[in-house]
Amino acid sequence: MAKYERKDFFYVKAKQMGYSARSVFKIEEIDKSFSLIKPKSKILDLGCSPGSWIQYIEKKLTPLNRYVLGIDLVPLKIKLGINIHFIQGDIFEIAIPSETFDLVISDMAPKTSGIKSIDQVKSLYLCERALEIAQKTLKKNGNFCIKILEGGGFHEFVKTCRKSFENVKIKRPKSTRPGSMETFIIALGLK
């Protein structure tokens, strides 16, 4: 098993570039592969703290025509720009936003226990809620990008996504830590 190194290359690079977390390189690679973020996109970011995905999105969107809503249990560690909003709360308890979005993204992760099977179930539970929110808030042909811990239920969740989206891809970004179970599902074109 690979040794966990908190301050690895991507951590250092993110800090040098002014990003709040190394996860920025995951959304950047996914966006480059699938062209998810358009200049006038309306985006819902689930599990947005500490805020590096929002920082990346903010640079790609036109300030006056964009709308980004981030939701997380914990506060953001970044300053919000024009037309970027944040709700601190639990996605199982807050009201689902009434507006529609071009893209729903989720980098949510459960509080891990260290027990692989339990952590996978917790991740799947978050993913199922995120998919439910995406199905209710995405515009027709909208896209969904979500992190999931591979394991029990992974393949069934991919099949469920395929029922609602035209095309479903799986990607493990290069910046994912060695030994990590996380991967991303990119679901394109809400039916």
N, C-alpha and C. Protein backbone atom coordinates (compact mmCIF):
# COMPACT_ATOMS: atom_id res chain seq x y z
N MET A 1 0.84 -1.19 0.00
CA MET A 1 0.00 0.00 0.00
C MET A 1 0.89 1.25 0.00
N ALA A 2 0.50 2.25 -0.78
CA ALA A 2 1.27 3.49 -0.89
C ALA A 2 1.22 4.27 0.42
N LYS A 3 2.33 4.92 0.72
CA LYS A 3 2.42 5.73 1.94
C LYS A 3 1.66 7.03 1.73
N TYR A 4 0.82 7.38 2.69
CA TYR A 4 0.05 8.62 2.64
C TYR A 4 0.98 9.78 2.97
N GLU A 5 1.02 10.73 2.05
CA GLU A 5 1.85 11.91 2.26
C GLU A 5 0.96 13.13 2.09
N ARG A 6 0.61 13.79 3.20
CA ARG A 6 -0.33 14.91 3.17
C ARG A 6 0.17 16.03 2.27
N LYS A 7 1.41 16.43 2.43
CA LYS A 7 1.96 17.56 1.67
C LYS A 7 2.71 17.05 0.45
N ASP A 8 1.96 16.40 -0.44
CA ASP A 8 2.55 15.86 -1.65
C ASP A 8 2.67 16.94 -2.72
N PHE A 9 3.07 16.54 -3.92
CA PHE A 9 3.28 17.46 -5.04
C PHE A 9 2.04 18.31 -5.30
N PHE A 10 0.85 17.68 -5.35
CA PHE A 10 -0.37 18.40 -5.68
C PHE A 10 -0.79 19.36 -4.56
N TYR A 11 -0.55 18.98 -3.33
CA TYR A 11 -0.83 19.86 -2.18
C TYR A 11 0.02 21.13 -2.30
N VAL A 12 1.31 20.94 -2.51
CA VAL A 12 2.23 22.07 -2.61
C VAL A 12 1.88 22.96 -3.80
N LYS A 13 1.60 22.34 -4.94
CA LYS A 13 1.25 23.09 -6.15
C LYS A 13 -0.03 23.91 -5.93
N ALA A 14 -1.03 23.32 -5.29
CA ALA A 14 -2.29 24.03 -5.02
C ALA A 14 -2.03 25.26 -4.14
N LYS A 15 -1.24 25.09 -3.12
CA LYS A 15 -0.94 26.22 -2.22
C LYS A 15 -0.17 27.31 -2.96
N GLN A 16 0.78 26.92 -3.81
CA GLN A 16 1.55 27.90 -4.59
C GLN A 16 0.65 28.69 -5.53
N MET A 17 -0.38 28.05 -6.06
CA MET A 17 -1.29 28.69 -7.00
C MET A 17 -2.45 29.42 -6.32
N GLY A 18 -2.51 29.36 -4.98
CA GLY A 18 -3.54 30.07 -4.23
C GLY A 18 -4.86 29.33 -4.07
N TYR A 19 -4.86 28.03 -4.33
CA TYR A 19 -6.07 27.24 -4.16
C TYR A 19 -6.16 26.71 -2.74
N SER A 20 -7.38 26.54 -2.25
CA SER A 20 -7.59 26.11 -0.88
C SER A 20 -7.33 24.62 -0.65
N ALA A 21 -7.30 23.83 -1.74
CA ALA A 21 -7.08 22.39 -1.59
C ALA A 21 -6.55 21.77 -2.89
N ARG A 22 -5.89 20.65 -2.76
CA ARG A 22 -5.32 19.92 -3.89
C ARG A 22 -6.38 19.32 -4.81
N SER A 23 -7.60 19.21 -4.31
CA SER A 23 -8.68 18.63 -5.11
C SER A 23 -9.00 19.46 -6.36
N VAL A 24 -8.50 20.69 -6.42
CA VAL A 24 -8.71 21.53 -7.60
C VAL A 24 -8.22 20.84 -8.87
N PHE A 25 -7.17 20.06 -8.76
CA PHE A 25 -6.59 19.42 -9.94
C PHE A 25 -7.47 18.28 -10.45
N LYS A 26 -8.32 17.74 -9.57
CA LYS A 26 -9.26 16.70 -10.00
C LYS A 26 -10.34 17.31 -10.89
N ILE A 27 -10.96 18.41 -10.44
CA ILE A 27 -12.01 19.02 -11.25
C ILE A 27 -11.42 19.62 -12.52
N GLU A 28 -10.21 20.13 -12.45
CA GLU A 28 -9.56 20.68 -13.65
C GLU A 28 -9.37 19.58 -14.71
N GLU A 29 -8.85 18.43 -14.29
CA GLU A 29 -8.63 17.33 -15.24
C GLU A 29 -9.95 16.81 -15.80
N ILE A 30 -10.96 16.67 -14.94
CA ILE A 30 -12.27 16.20 -15.40
C ILE A 30 -12.87 17.20 -16.37
N ASP A 31 -12.77 18.48 -16.05
CA ASP A 31 -13.32 19.52 -16.92
C ASP A 31 -12.61 19.51 -18.28
N LYS A 32 -11.30 19.36 -18.28
CA LYS A 32 -10.56 19.32 -19.55
C LYS A 32 -10.96 18.11 -20.38
N SER A 33 -11.26 17.00 -19.73
CA SER A 33 -11.65 15.78 -20.45
C SER A 33 -13.07 15.82 -20.99
N PHE A 34 -13.98 16.49 -20.27
CA PHE A 34 -15.40 16.43 -20.63
C PHE A 34 -16.05 17.79 -20.89
N SER A 35 -15.29 18.86 -20.82
CA SER A 35 -15.82 20.22 -21.08
C SER A 35 -17.11 20.49 -20.30
N LEU A 36 -17.06 20.29 -19.00
CA LEU A 36 -18.26 20.44 -18.17
C LEU A 36 -18.63 21.90 -17.89
N ILE A 37 -17.63 22.74 -17.74
CA ILE A 37 -17.87 24.11 -17.27
C ILE A 37 -17.80 25.08 -18.44
N LYS A 38 -18.96 25.68 -18.73
CA LYS A 38 -19.08 26.65 -19.82
C LYS A 38 -19.12 28.06 -19.22
N PRO A 39 -18.74 29.11 -19.98
CA PRO A 39 -18.65 30.47 -19.43
C PRO A 39 -19.91 30.98 -18.71
N LYS A 40 -21.10 30.55 -19.13
CA LYS A 40 -22.34 31.05 -18.51
C LYS A 40 -23.07 29.97 -17.71
N SER A 41 -22.37 28.96 -17.27
CA SER A 41 -23.00 27.84 -16.56
C SER A 41 -23.60 28.26 -15.22
N LYS A 42 -24.70 27.59 -14.88
CA LYS A 42 -25.25 27.65 -13.52
C LYS A 42 -24.86 26.33 -12.88
N ILE A 43 -24.14 26.41 -11.75
CA ILE A 43 -23.55 25.20 -11.17
C ILE A 43 -23.93 25.06 -9.70
N LEU A 44 -24.29 23.83 -9.32
CA LEU A 44 -24.52 23.47 -7.93
C LEU A 44 -23.36 22.59 -7.49
N ASP A 45 -22.66 23.02 -6.43
CA ASP A 45 -21.48 22.32 -5.92
C ASP A 45 -21.80 21.75 -4.54
N LEU A 46 -22.01 20.45 -4.47
CA LEU A 46 -22.32 19.76 -3.22
C LEU A 46 -21.02 19.31 -2.55
N GLY A 47 -20.89 19.60 -1.26
CA GLY A 47 -19.66 19.26 -0.56
C GLY A 47 -18.54 20.17 -0.99
N CYS A 48 -18.81 21.46 -1.05
CA CYS A 48 -17.90 22.43 -1.68
C CYS A 48 -16.73 22.89 -0.82
N SER A 49 -16.77 22.65 0.48
CA SER A 49 -15.68 23.12 1.34
C SER A 49 -14.45 22.23 1.15
N PRO A 50 -13.25 22.78 1.17
CA PRO A 50 -12.87 24.14 1.54
C PRO A 50 -13.03 25.19 0.44
N GLY A 51 -13.31 24.79 -0.79
CA GLY A 51 -13.63 25.77 -1.82
C GLY A 51 -12.78 25.78 -3.07
N SER A 52 -11.88 24.83 -3.23
CA SER A 52 -10.99 24.87 -4.40
C SER A 52 -11.75 24.65 -5.71
N TRP A 53 -12.82 23.85 -5.69
CA TRP A 53 -13.59 23.66 -6.92
C TRP A 53 -14.27 24.97 -7.31
N ILE A 54 -14.81 25.67 -6.33
CA ILE A 54 -15.44 26.97 -6.61
C ILE A 54 -14.39 27.95 -7.14
N GLN A 55 -13.19 27.94 -6.58
CA GLN A 55 -12.12 28.82 -7.06
C GLN A 55 -11.82 28.54 -8.54
N TYR A 56 -11.76 27.27 -8.90
CA TYR A 56 -11.50 26.89 -10.29
C TYR A 56 -12.66 27.35 -11.19
N ILE A 57 -13.88 27.05 -10.76
CA ILE A 57 -15.07 27.42 -11.53
C ILE A 57 -15.14 28.92 -11.73
N GLU A 58 -14.85 29.66 -10.69
CA GLU A 58 -14.94 31.13 -10.75
C GLU A 58 -14.05 31.69 -11.86
N LYS A 59 -12.90 31.09 -12.06
CA LYS A 59 -11.98 31.55 -13.11
C LYS A 59 -12.49 31.22 -14.51
N LYS A 60 -13.36 30.23 -14.62
CA LYS A 60 -13.84 29.79 -15.93
C LYS A 60 -15.14 30.47 -16.36
N LEU A 61 -15.88 31.00 -15.40
CA LEU A 61 -17.19 31.56 -15.71
C LEU A 61 -17.15 33.08 -15.88
N THR A 62 -18.07 33.59 -16.69
CA THR A 62 -18.23 35.03 -16.88
C THR A 62 -18.92 35.59 -15.64
N PRO A 63 -18.30 36.54 -14.91
CA PRO A 63 -18.83 36.98 -13.61
C PRO A 63 -20.30 37.41 -13.62
N LEU A 64 -20.73 38.20 -14.58
CA LEU A 64 -22.10 38.70 -14.54
C LEU A 64 -23.14 37.69 -15.00
N ASN A 65 -22.74 36.68 -15.73
CA ASN A 65 -23.69 35.69 -16.25
C ASN A 65 -23.65 34.36 -15.50
N ARG A 66 -22.81 34.24 -14.52
CA ARG A 66 -22.67 32.97 -13.82
C ARG A 66 -23.58 32.93 -12.59
N TYR A 67 -23.78 31.70 -12.13
CA TYR A 67 -24.46 31.49 -10.86
C TYR A 67 -23.91 30.18 -10.30
N VAL A 68 -23.31 30.26 -9.13
CA VAL A 68 -22.77 29.08 -8.47
C VAL A 68 -23.34 29.04 -7.05
N LEU A 69 -23.86 27.88 -6.68
CA LEU A 69 -24.34 27.67 -5.32
C LEU A 69 -23.57 26.50 -4.74
N GLY A 70 -22.90 26.75 -3.63
CA GLY A 70 -22.17 25.71 -2.92
C GLY A 70 -22.89 25.35 -1.64
N ILE A 71 -22.88 24.06 -1.30
CA ILE A 71 -23.49 23.58 -0.07
C ILE A 71 -22.51 22.65 0.63
N ASP A 72 -22.36 22.85 1.94
CA ASP A 72 -21.50 21.96 2.72
C ASP A 72 -21.85 22.06 4.20
N LEU A 73 -21.48 21.03 4.94
CA LEU A 73 -21.66 21.03 6.39
C LEU A 73 -20.75 22.03 7.09
N VAL A 74 -19.56 22.20 6.54
CA VAL A 74 -18.57 23.07 7.16
C VAL A 74 -18.38 24.35 6.36
N PRO A 75 -17.95 25.42 7.01
CA PRO A 75 -17.80 26.70 6.29
C PRO A 75 -16.75 26.64 5.19
N LEU A 76 -16.91 27.53 4.23
CA LEU A 76 -15.91 27.68 3.18
C LEU A 76 -14.70 28.42 3.73
N LYS A 77 -13.54 28.18 3.14
CA LYS A 77 -12.32 28.86 3.56
C LYS A 77 -11.89 29.89 2.52
N ILE A 78 -12.82 30.26 1.65
CA ILE A 78 -12.49 31.21 0.60
C ILE A 78 -13.47 32.38 0.63
N LYS A 79 -13.07 33.46 -0.03
CA LYS A 79 -13.94 34.61 -0.19
C LYS A 79 -14.78 34.38 -1.45
N LEU A 80 -16.07 34.66 -1.37
CA LEU A 80 -16.96 34.42 -2.50
C LEU A 80 -17.00 35.61 -3.44
N GLY A 81 -16.97 35.32 -4.74
CA GLY A 81 -17.02 36.36 -5.75
C GLY A 81 -18.45 36.67 -6.15
N ILE A 82 -18.59 37.46 -7.21
CA ILE A 82 -19.89 37.88 -7.73
C ILE A 82 -20.69 36.66 -8.18
N ASN A 83 -21.96 36.61 -7.75
CA ASN A 83 -22.91 35.56 -8.12
C ASN A 83 -22.48 34.16 -7.69
N ILE A 84 -21.72 34.10 -6.61
CA ILE A 84 -21.35 32.81 -6.00
C ILE A 84 -21.91 32.82 -4.58
N HIS A 85 -22.70 31.79 -4.27
CA HIS A 85 -23.43 31.75 -3.01
C HIS A 85 -23.10 30.46 -2.26
N PHE A 86 -23.31 30.52 -0.95
CA PHE A 86 -22.99 29.36 -0.11
C PHE A 86 -24.08 29.15 0.93
N ILE A 87 -24.47 27.88 1.11
CA ILE A 87 -25.38 27.49 2.18
C ILE A 87 -24.65 26.47 3.04
N GLN A 88 -24.57 26.77 4.34
CA GLN A 88 -23.99 25.79 5.26
C GLN A 88 -25.13 24.93 5.79
N GLY A 89 -25.05 23.64 5.51
CA GLY A 89 -26.10 22.75 5.96
C GLY A 89 -25.89 21.33 5.47
N ASP A 90 -26.75 20.47 5.94
CA ASP A 90 -26.71 19.05 5.63
C ASP A 90 -27.61 18.79 4.42
N ILE A 91 -27.10 18.14 3.38
CA ILE A 91 -27.90 17.93 2.17
C ILE A 91 -29.10 17.01 2.41
N PHE A 92 -29.12 16.32 3.53
CA PHE A 92 -30.28 15.49 3.87
C PHE A 92 -31.35 16.29 4.60
N GLU A 93 -30.99 17.51 5.04
CA GLU A 93 -31.93 18.30 5.84
C GLU A 93 -32.38 19.60 5.17
N ILE A 94 -31.53 20.20 4.35
CA ILE A 94 -31.90 21.48 3.75
C ILE A 94 -32.87 21.26 2.59
N ALA A 95 -33.61 22.32 2.28
CA ALA A 95 -34.53 22.25 1.14
C ALA A 95 -33.71 22.19 -0.15
N ILE A 96 -34.16 21.38 -1.07
CA ILE A 96 -33.49 21.29 -2.37
C ILE A 96 -33.68 22.62 -3.09
N PRO A 97 -32.62 23.19 -3.65
CA PRO A 97 -32.76 24.47 -4.34
C PRO A 97 -33.85 24.41 -5.41
N SER A 98 -34.58 25.52 -5.55
CA SER A 98 -35.69 25.55 -6.50
C SER A 98 -35.23 25.90 -7.92
N GLU A 99 -34.03 26.50 -8.05
CA GLU A 99 -33.55 26.86 -9.38
C GLU A 99 -33.02 25.64 -10.13
N THR A 100 -32.81 25.81 -11.43
CA THR A 100 -32.26 24.72 -12.23
C THR A 100 -30.82 25.03 -12.60
N PHE A 101 -30.05 23.97 -12.81
CA PHE A 101 -28.61 24.10 -13.05
C PHE A 101 -28.20 23.37 -14.33
N ASP A 102 -27.09 23.84 -14.90
CA ASP A 102 -26.49 23.18 -16.05
C ASP A 102 -25.62 22.01 -15.61
N LEU A 103 -25.08 22.12 -14.40
CA LEU A 103 -24.12 21.15 -13.89
C LEU A 103 -24.27 21.01 -12.38
N VAL A 104 -24.31 19.78 -11.91
CA VAL A 104 -24.24 19.49 -10.47
C VAL A 104 -22.97 18.69 -10.26
N ILE A 105 -22.13 19.18 -9.34
CA ILE A 105 -20.88 18.49 -9.02
C ILE A 105 -20.87 18.14 -7.54
N SER A 106 -20.19 17.07 -7.22
CA SER A 106 -20.12 16.65 -5.83
C SER A 106 -18.76 16.03 -5.52
N ASP A 107 -18.09 16.64 -4.58
CA ASP A 107 -16.83 16.11 -4.06
C ASP A 107 -17.05 15.69 -2.60
N MET A 108 -18.31 15.37 -2.27
CA MET A 108 -18.62 15.01 -0.89
C MET A 108 -17.92 13.72 -0.50
N ALA A 109 -17.56 13.67 0.74
CA ALA A 109 -16.95 12.46 1.29
C ALA A 109 -17.46 12.27 2.71
N PRO A 110 -17.69 11.04 3.09
CA PRO A 110 -18.14 10.81 4.47
C PRO A 110 -16.98 10.96 5.44
N LYS A 111 -17.32 11.15 6.69
CA LYS A 111 -16.29 11.08 7.72
C LYS A 111 -15.88 9.62 7.77
N THR A 112 -14.63 9.35 7.41
CA THR A 112 -14.20 7.97 7.30
C THR A 112 -13.88 7.35 8.65
N SER A 113 -14.15 6.05 8.74
CA SER A 113 -13.92 5.30 9.98
C SER A 113 -12.63 4.50 9.91
N GLY A 114 -12.13 4.32 8.67
CA GLY A 114 -10.97 3.44 8.48
C GLY A 114 -11.37 2.02 8.16
N ILE A 115 -12.67 1.74 8.28
CA ILE A 115 -13.19 0.42 7.92
C ILE A 115 -13.77 0.54 6.52
N LYS A 116 -13.07 -0.06 5.56
CA LYS A 116 -13.36 0.12 4.14
C LYS A 116 -14.83 -0.09 3.80
N SER A 117 -15.42 -1.19 4.25
CA SER A 117 -16.81 -1.50 3.87
C SER A 117 -17.79 -0.46 4.42
N ILE A 118 -17.56 0.02 5.63
CA ILE A 118 -18.43 1.04 6.23
C ILE A 118 -18.29 2.36 5.48
N ASP A 119 -17.06 2.74 5.17
CA ASP A 119 -16.81 4.00 4.46
C ASP A 119 -17.43 3.97 3.06
N GLN A 120 -17.38 2.82 2.40
CA GLN A 120 -17.97 2.70 1.06
C GLN A 120 -19.49 2.88 1.13
N VAL A 121 -20.13 2.30 2.13
CA VAL A 121 -21.58 2.44 2.29
C VAL A 121 -21.94 3.90 2.57
N LYS A 122 -21.18 4.56 3.42
CA LYS A 122 -21.43 5.97 3.71
C LYS A 122 -21.28 6.82 2.45
N SER A 123 -20.27 6.53 1.66
CA SER A 123 -20.05 7.26 0.40
C SER A 123 -21.23 7.04 -0.55
N LEU A 124 -21.66 5.81 -0.67
CA LEU A 124 -22.78 5.48 -1.54
C LEU A 124 -24.05 6.22 -1.12
N TYR A 125 -24.27 6.32 0.16
CA TYR A 125 -25.44 7.03 0.71
C TYR A 125 -25.41 8.49 0.28
N LEU A 126 -24.25 9.14 0.37
CA LEU A 126 -24.10 10.53 -0.07
C LEU A 126 -24.33 10.64 -1.58
N CYS A 127 -23.78 9.68 -2.32
CA CYS A 127 -23.92 9.70 -3.78
C CYS A 127 -25.38 9.56 -4.21
N GLU A 128 -26.12 8.71 -3.53
CA GLU A 128 -27.53 8.52 -3.86
C GLU A 128 -28.31 9.82 -3.63
N ARG A 129 -27.99 10.52 -2.55
CA ARG A 129 -28.67 11.80 -2.27
C ARG A 129 -28.26 12.85 -3.32
N ALA A 130 -27.00 12.88 -3.67
CA ALA A 130 -26.53 13.83 -4.68
C ALA A 130 -27.22 13.57 -6.03
N LEU A 131 -27.37 12.31 -6.39
CA LEU A 131 -28.05 11.96 -7.64
C LEU A 131 -29.50 12.40 -7.59
N GLU A 132 -30.15 12.19 -6.47
CA GLU A 132 -31.54 12.62 -6.30
C GLU A 132 -31.65 14.14 -6.50
N ILE A 133 -30.73 14.89 -5.91
CA ILE A 133 -30.72 16.35 -6.07
C ILE A 133 -30.47 16.72 -7.52
N ALA A 134 -29.52 16.05 -8.16
CA ALA A 134 -29.21 16.33 -9.57
C ALA A 134 -30.42 16.08 -10.45
N GLN A 135 -31.11 14.98 -10.22
CA GLN A 135 -32.28 14.65 -11.04
C GLN A 135 -33.38 15.70 -10.91
N LYS A 136 -33.48 16.34 -9.73
CA LYS A 136 -34.52 17.34 -9.49
C LYS A 136 -34.11 18.75 -9.92
N THR A 137 -32.81 19.02 -9.99
CA THR A 137 -32.38 20.40 -10.24
C THR A 137 -31.70 20.64 -11.58
N LEU A 138 -31.29 19.59 -12.26
CA LEU A 138 -30.62 19.78 -13.54
C LEU A 138 -31.60 20.12 -14.66
N LYS A 139 -31.15 20.97 -15.56
CA LYS A 139 -31.90 21.24 -16.79
C LYS A 139 -31.81 19.98 -17.66
N LYS A 140 -32.73 19.85 -18.62
CA LYS A 140 -32.63 18.74 -19.58
C LYS A 140 -31.28 18.84 -20.27
N ASN A 141 -30.61 17.73 -20.45
CA ASN A 141 -29.25 17.63 -21.01
C ASN A 141 -28.17 18.13 -20.07
N GLY A 142 -28.52 18.43 -18.82
CA GLY A 142 -27.53 18.85 -17.83
C GLY A 142 -26.59 17.71 -17.47
N ASN A 143 -25.48 18.08 -16.83
CA ASN A 143 -24.44 17.11 -16.49
C ASN A 143 -24.23 17.00 -14.98
N PHE A 144 -23.67 15.86 -14.59
CA PHE A 144 -23.48 15.52 -13.17
C PHE A 144 -22.11 14.89 -13.02
N CYS A 145 -21.34 15.35 -12.06
CA CYS A 145 -20.00 14.80 -11.78
C CYS A 145 -19.91 14.55 -10.29
N ILE A 146 -19.57 13.32 -9.92
CA ILE A 146 -19.59 12.95 -8.51
C ILE A 146 -18.44 12.03 -8.12
N LYS A 147 -17.91 12.28 -6.92
CA LYS A 147 -16.89 11.40 -6.36
C LYS A 147 -17.58 10.27 -5.60
N ILE A 148 -17.04 9.07 -5.76
CA ILE A 148 -17.56 7.91 -5.05
C ILE A 148 -16.38 7.03 -4.62
N LEU A 149 -16.52 6.37 -3.50
CA LEU A 149 -15.51 5.41 -3.07
C LEU A 149 -15.89 4.07 -3.68
N GLU A 150 -14.98 3.50 -4.47
CA GLU A 150 -15.26 2.23 -5.13
C GLU A 150 -15.43 1.12 -4.10
N GLY A 151 -16.34 0.23 -4.41
CA GLY A 151 -16.60 -0.89 -3.53
C GLY A 151 -18.01 -1.38 -3.73
N GLY A 152 -18.57 -2.01 -2.71
CA GLY A 152 -19.92 -2.53 -2.79
C GLY A 152 -20.91 -1.45 -3.19
N GLY A 153 -21.73 -1.75 -4.17
CA GLY A 153 -22.74 -0.80 -4.63
C GLY A 153 -22.27 0.12 -5.74
N PHE A 154 -20.98 0.14 -6.03
CA PHE A 154 -20.43 1.04 -7.06
C PHE A 154 -21.06 0.78 -8.43
N HIS A 155 -21.03 -0.48 -8.88
CA HIS A 155 -21.53 -0.82 -10.21
C HIS A 155 -23.04 -0.60 -10.32
N GLU A 156 -23.76 -0.86 -9.24
CA GLU A 156 -25.20 -0.62 -9.24
C GLU A 156 -25.49 0.87 -9.34
N PHE A 157 -24.67 1.71 -8.68
CA PHE A 157 -24.86 3.15 -8.75
C PHE A 157 -24.60 3.66 -10.17
N VAL A 158 -23.58 3.13 -10.81
CA VAL A 158 -23.29 3.50 -12.21
C VAL A 158 -24.49 3.14 -13.09
N LYS A 159 -25.06 1.96 -12.88
CA LYS A 159 -26.24 1.53 -13.65
C LYS A 159 -27.42 2.48 -13.41
N THR A 160 -27.59 2.90 -12.18
CA THR A 160 -28.67 3.84 -11.85
C THR A 160 -28.46 5.16 -12.58
N CYS A 161 -27.21 5.64 -12.62
CA CYS A 161 -26.91 6.88 -13.35
C CYS A 161 -27.23 6.71 -14.83
N ARG A 162 -26.94 5.56 -15.39
CA ARG A 162 -27.19 5.32 -16.82
C ARG A 162 -28.67 5.37 -17.17
N LYS A 163 -29.54 5.13 -16.19
CA LYS A 163 -30.99 5.22 -16.44
C LYS A 163 -31.43 6.67 -16.64
N SER A 164 -30.70 7.62 -16.04
CA SER A 164 -31.10 9.02 -16.09
C SER A 164 -30.29 9.87 -17.07
N PHE A 165 -29.12 9.37 -17.50
CA PHE A 165 -28.23 10.17 -18.34
C PHE A 165 -27.90 9.43 -19.63
N GLU A 166 -27.66 10.20 -20.68
CA GLU A 166 -27.35 9.64 -22.00
C GLU A 166 -26.01 8.89 -22.02
N ASN A 167 -25.02 9.41 -21.29
CA ASN A 167 -23.67 8.86 -21.34
C ASN A 167 -23.05 8.93 -19.95
N VAL A 168 -22.47 7.86 -19.49
CA VAL A 168 -21.85 7.82 -18.16
C VAL A 168 -20.42 7.31 -18.29
N LYS A 169 -19.48 8.09 -17.77
CA LYS A 169 -18.06 7.76 -17.83
C LYS A 169 -17.50 7.65 -16.41
N ILE A 170 -16.42 6.92 -16.29
CA ILE A 170 -15.73 6.77 -15.00
C ILE A 170 -14.31 7.26 -15.20
N LYS A 171 -13.83 8.08 -14.26
CA LYS A 171 -12.48 8.65 -14.38
C LYS A 171 -11.82 8.71 -13.01
N ARG A 172 -10.56 8.34 -13.00
CA ARG A 172 -9.73 8.46 -11.80
C ARG A 172 -8.63 9.48 -12.13
N PRO A 173 -8.80 10.74 -11.67
CA PRO A 173 -7.81 11.78 -12.00
C PRO A 173 -6.41 11.44 -11.50
N LYS A 174 -5.41 11.95 -12.21
CA LYS A 174 -4.00 11.69 -11.86
C LYS A 174 -3.64 12.20 -10.46
N SER A 175 -4.35 13.25 -10.01
CA SER A 175 -4.04 13.83 -8.70
C SER A 175 -4.66 13.06 -7.53
N THR A 176 -5.38 11.98 -7.81
CA THR A 176 -5.93 11.14 -6.74
C THR A 176 -4.76 10.49 -6.00
N ARG A 177 -4.84 10.51 -4.69
CA ARG A 177 -3.74 9.95 -3.88
C ARG A 177 -3.59 8.44 -4.14
N PRO A 178 -2.35 7.98 -4.18
CA PRO A 178 -2.12 6.53 -4.33
C PRO A 178 -2.80 5.78 -3.18
N GLY A 179 -3.45 4.68 -3.49
CA GLY A 179 -4.12 3.89 -2.47
C GLY A 179 -5.54 4.34 -2.16
N SER A 180 -5.95 5.48 -2.69
CA SER A 180 -7.30 5.99 -2.44
C SER A 180 -8.32 5.16 -3.20
N MET A 181 -9.50 4.97 -2.61
CA MET A 181 -10.58 4.23 -3.26
C MET A 181 -11.46 5.16 -4.10
N GLU A 182 -11.17 6.46 -4.08
CA GLU A 182 -12.08 7.39 -4.76
C GLU A 182 -11.90 7.38 -6.27
N THR A 183 -13.01 7.54 -6.93
CA THR A 183 -13.05 7.71 -8.37
C THR A 183 -14.21 8.64 -8.67
N PHE A 184 -14.34 9.05 -9.92
CA PHE A 184 -15.40 9.98 -10.28
C PHE A 184 -16.28 9.39 -11.37
N ILE A 185 -17.56 9.65 -11.24
CA ILE A 185 -18.54 9.29 -12.26
C ILE A 185 -18.97 10.59 -12.92
N ILE A 186 -18.88 10.62 -14.24
CA ILE A 186 -19.29 11.78 -15.00
C ILE A 186 -20.49 11.36 -15.83
N ALA A 187 -21.66 11.92 -15.50
CA ALA A 187 -22.91 11.56 -16.15
C ALA A 187 -23.33 12.74 -17.03
N LEU A 188 -23.42 12.49 -18.32
CA LEU A 188 -23.65 13.55 -19.30
C LEU A 188 -25.01 13.44 -19.96
N GLY A 189 -25.71 14.56 -20.04
CA GLY A 189 -26.96 14.62 -20.76
C GLY A 189 -28.14 14.02 -20.01
N LEU A 190 -28.68 14.77 -19.04
CA LEU A 190 -29.86 14.28 -18.31
C LEU A 190 -30.99 14.05 -19.31
N LYS A 191 -31.59 12.89 -19.25
CA LYS A 191 -32.68 12.54 -20.17
C LYS A 191 -33.96 13.29 -19.84
